[in-house]
Amino acid sequence: MMKRQKRDRQSRAFSRGYQAGIAGRSKEICPYQNTEIKSEWLGGWREAITDKQQGLFK
């Protein structure tokens, strides 16, 4: 059970980071202090930036 909660928190952080990246927000706005969760958020943010550069979003 614990693992699932942790994964949910990480995937939520990832998608929030992704949304921020798509919106063109700075990675400096990452709200997380926890290193694991923060790296998920930043991973989402980076993926969004890559997707935007490849023209998936205008």
N, C-alpha and C. Protein backbone atom coordinates (compact mmCIF):
# COMPACT_ATOMS: atom_id res chain seq x y z
N MET A 1 0.83 -1.21 0.00
CA MET A 1 0.00 0.00 0.00
C MET A 1 0.87 1.27 0.00
N MET A 2 1.89 1.24 0.82
CA MET A 2 2.77 2.41 0.92
C MET A 2 3.39 2.75 -0.44
N LYS A 3 3.85 1.73 -1.15
CA LYS A 3 4.47 1.96 -2.45
C LYS A 3 3.53 2.68 -3.41
N ARG A 4 2.28 2.25 -3.42
CA ARG A 4 1.33 2.86 -4.34
C ARG A 4 1.11 4.33 -4.04
N GLN A 5 0.98 4.67 -2.75
CA GLN A 5 0.79 6.08 -2.38
C GLN A 5 1.98 6.90 -2.85
N LYS A 6 3.16 6.35 -2.66
CA LYS A 6 4.38 7.05 -3.06
C LYS A 6 4.39 7.27 -4.57
N ARG A 7 4.03 6.22 -5.31
CA ARG A 7 4.01 6.33 -6.77
C ARG A 7 2.99 7.36 -7.23
N ASP A 8 1.82 7.37 -6.58
CA ASP A 8 0.79 8.35 -6.93
C ASP A 8 1.30 9.77 -6.73
N ARG A 9 1.99 9.98 -5.62
CA ARG A 9 2.52 11.31 -5.34
C ARG A 9 3.56 11.69 -6.38
N GLN A 10 4.37 10.72 -6.77
CA GLN A 10 5.40 11.00 -7.78
C GLN A 10 4.78 11.27 -9.15
N SER A 11 3.77 10.49 -9.52
CA SER A 11 3.19 10.72 -10.84
C SER A 11 2.40 12.03 -10.87
N ARG A 12 1.83 12.41 -9.73
CA ARG A 12 1.13 13.69 -9.64
C ARG A 12 2.15 14.82 -9.78
N ALA A 13 3.30 14.68 -9.13
CA ALA A 13 4.35 15.69 -9.24
C ALA A 13 4.84 15.79 -10.68
N PHE A 14 5.01 14.63 -11.33
CA PHE A 14 5.46 14.61 -12.72
C PHE A 14 4.48 15.37 -13.61
N SER A 15 3.18 15.08 -13.45
CA SER A 15 2.22 15.74 -14.35
C SER A 15 2.07 17.22 -14.04
N ARG A 16 2.24 17.60 -12.78
CA ARG A 16 2.21 19.03 -12.46
C ARG A 16 3.41 19.75 -13.06
N GLY A 17 4.56 19.09 -13.03
CA GLY A 17 5.75 19.65 -13.66
C GLY A 17 5.55 19.78 -15.16
N TYR A 18 4.93 18.76 -15.74
CA TYR A 18 4.65 18.77 -17.17
C TYR A 18 3.74 19.94 -17.53
N GLN A 19 2.69 20.11 -16.75
CA GLN A 19 1.75 21.23 -16.99
C GLN A 19 2.47 22.58 -16.91
N ALA A 20 3.34 22.72 -15.93
CA ALA A 20 4.09 23.97 -15.78
C ALA A 20 4.98 24.21 -17.01
N GLY A 21 5.62 23.15 -17.49
CA GLY A 21 6.48 23.27 -18.66
C GLY A 21 5.70 23.66 -19.90
N ILE A 22 4.54 23.04 -20.09
CA ILE A 22 3.70 23.36 -21.25
C ILE A 22 3.25 24.82 -21.18
N ALA A 23 2.99 25.29 -19.97
CA ALA A 23 2.54 26.67 -19.78
C ALA A 23 3.70 27.66 -19.92
N GLY A 24 4.91 27.13 -20.10
CA GLY A 24 6.07 28.00 -20.28
C GLY A 24 6.59 28.61 -18.99
N ARG A 25 6.25 27.98 -17.87
CA ARG A 25 6.71 28.50 -16.58
C ARG A 25 8.15 28.05 -16.31
N SER A 26 8.83 28.79 -15.46
CA SER A 26 10.21 28.47 -15.11
C SER A 26 10.28 27.24 -14.22
N LYS A 27 11.35 26.46 -14.36
CA LYS A 27 11.51 25.30 -13.48
C LYS A 27 11.77 25.75 -12.04
N GLU A 28 12.09 27.02 -11.86
CA GLU A 28 12.33 27.55 -10.52
C GLU A 28 11.06 27.59 -9.66
N ILE A 29 9.90 27.46 -10.29
CA ILE A 29 8.66 27.49 -9.51
C ILE A 29 8.31 26.14 -8.88
N CYS A 30 9.15 25.14 -9.08
CA CYS A 30 8.88 23.82 -8.51
C CYS A 30 8.56 23.94 -7.02
N PRO A 31 7.37 23.49 -6.61
CA PRO A 31 6.93 23.66 -5.22
C PRO A 31 7.47 22.62 -4.24
N TYR A 32 8.16 21.61 -4.74
CA TYR A 32 8.57 20.51 -3.87
C TYR A 32 9.96 20.68 -3.28
N GLN A 33 10.11 20.28 -2.01
CA GLN A 33 11.40 20.29 -1.34
C GLN A 33 12.01 18.89 -1.35
N ASN A 34 11.14 17.87 -1.19
CA ASN A 34 11.57 16.48 -1.18
C ASN A 34 12.30 16.14 -2.47
N THR A 35 13.52 15.64 -2.35
CA THR A 35 14.37 15.40 -3.51
C THR A 35 13.75 14.46 -4.54
N GLU A 36 13.18 13.34 -4.07
CA GLU A 36 12.56 12.37 -4.99
C GLU A 36 11.41 12.99 -5.75
N ILE A 37 10.52 13.66 -5.03
CA ILE A 37 9.34 14.25 -5.65
C ILE A 37 9.75 15.40 -6.57
N LYS A 38 10.71 16.18 -6.11
CA LYS A 38 11.20 17.30 -6.91
C LYS A 38 11.79 16.81 -8.24
N SER A 39 12.51 15.69 -8.20
CA SER A 39 13.09 15.20 -9.45
C SER A 39 12.00 14.69 -10.39
N GLU A 40 10.90 14.18 -9.85
CA GLU A 40 9.76 13.79 -10.68
C GLU A 40 9.17 15.03 -11.36
N TRP A 41 8.97 16.10 -10.57
CA TRP A 41 8.41 17.35 -11.10
C TRP A 41 9.31 17.88 -12.22
N LEU A 42 10.62 17.90 -11.95
CA LEU A 42 11.56 18.42 -12.94
C LEU A 42 11.61 17.53 -14.19
N GLY A 43 11.43 16.23 -13.99
CA GLY A 43 11.38 15.32 -15.14
C GLY A 43 10.19 15.64 -16.03
N GLY A 44 9.06 15.90 -15.41
CA GLY A 44 7.86 16.28 -16.16
C GLY A 44 8.07 17.61 -16.88
N TRP A 45 8.69 18.53 -16.17
CA TRP A 45 8.96 19.85 -16.74
C TRP A 45 9.86 19.73 -17.98
N ARG A 46 10.94 18.94 -17.84
CA ARG A 46 11.87 18.75 -18.97
C ARG A 46 11.18 18.09 -20.16
N GLU A 47 10.34 17.10 -19.88
CA GLU A 47 9.64 16.41 -20.96
C GLU A 47 8.72 17.37 -21.71
N ALA A 48 8.06 18.25 -20.97
CA ALA A 48 7.17 19.24 -21.59
C ALA A 48 7.96 20.20 -22.48
N ILE A 49 9.11 20.64 -22.00
CA ILE A 49 9.95 21.54 -22.78
C ILE A 49 10.38 20.86 -24.08
N THR A 50 10.78 19.59 -23.98
CA THR A 50 11.17 18.82 -25.16
C THR A 50 10.00 18.70 -26.14
N ASP A 51 8.82 18.37 -25.61
CA ASP A 51 7.63 18.24 -26.46
C ASP A 51 7.32 19.56 -27.17
N LYS A 52 7.45 20.66 -26.44
CA LYS A 52 7.19 21.97 -27.05
C LYS A 52 8.20 22.25 -28.16
N GLN A 53 9.47 21.93 -27.91
CA GLN A 53 10.51 22.17 -28.92
C GLN A 53 10.27 21.33 -30.17
N GLN A 54 9.68 20.17 -29.98
CA GLN A 54 9.40 19.30 -31.13
C GLN A 54 8.09 19.69 -31.81
N GLY A 55 7.46 20.72 -31.33
CA GLY A 55 6.27 21.25 -31.98
C GLY A 55 4.97 20.53 -31.64
N LEU A 56 4.96 19.76 -30.55
CA LEU A 56 3.74 19.06 -30.17
C LEU A 56 2.70 20.03 -29.61
N PHE A 57 3.19 21.15 -29.07
CA PHE A 57 2.28 22.18 -28.51
C PHE A 57 2.67 23.52 -29.09
N LYS A 58 1.67 24.35 -29.31
CA LYS A 58 1.96 25.68 -29.84
C LYS A 58 1.71 26.72 -28.76
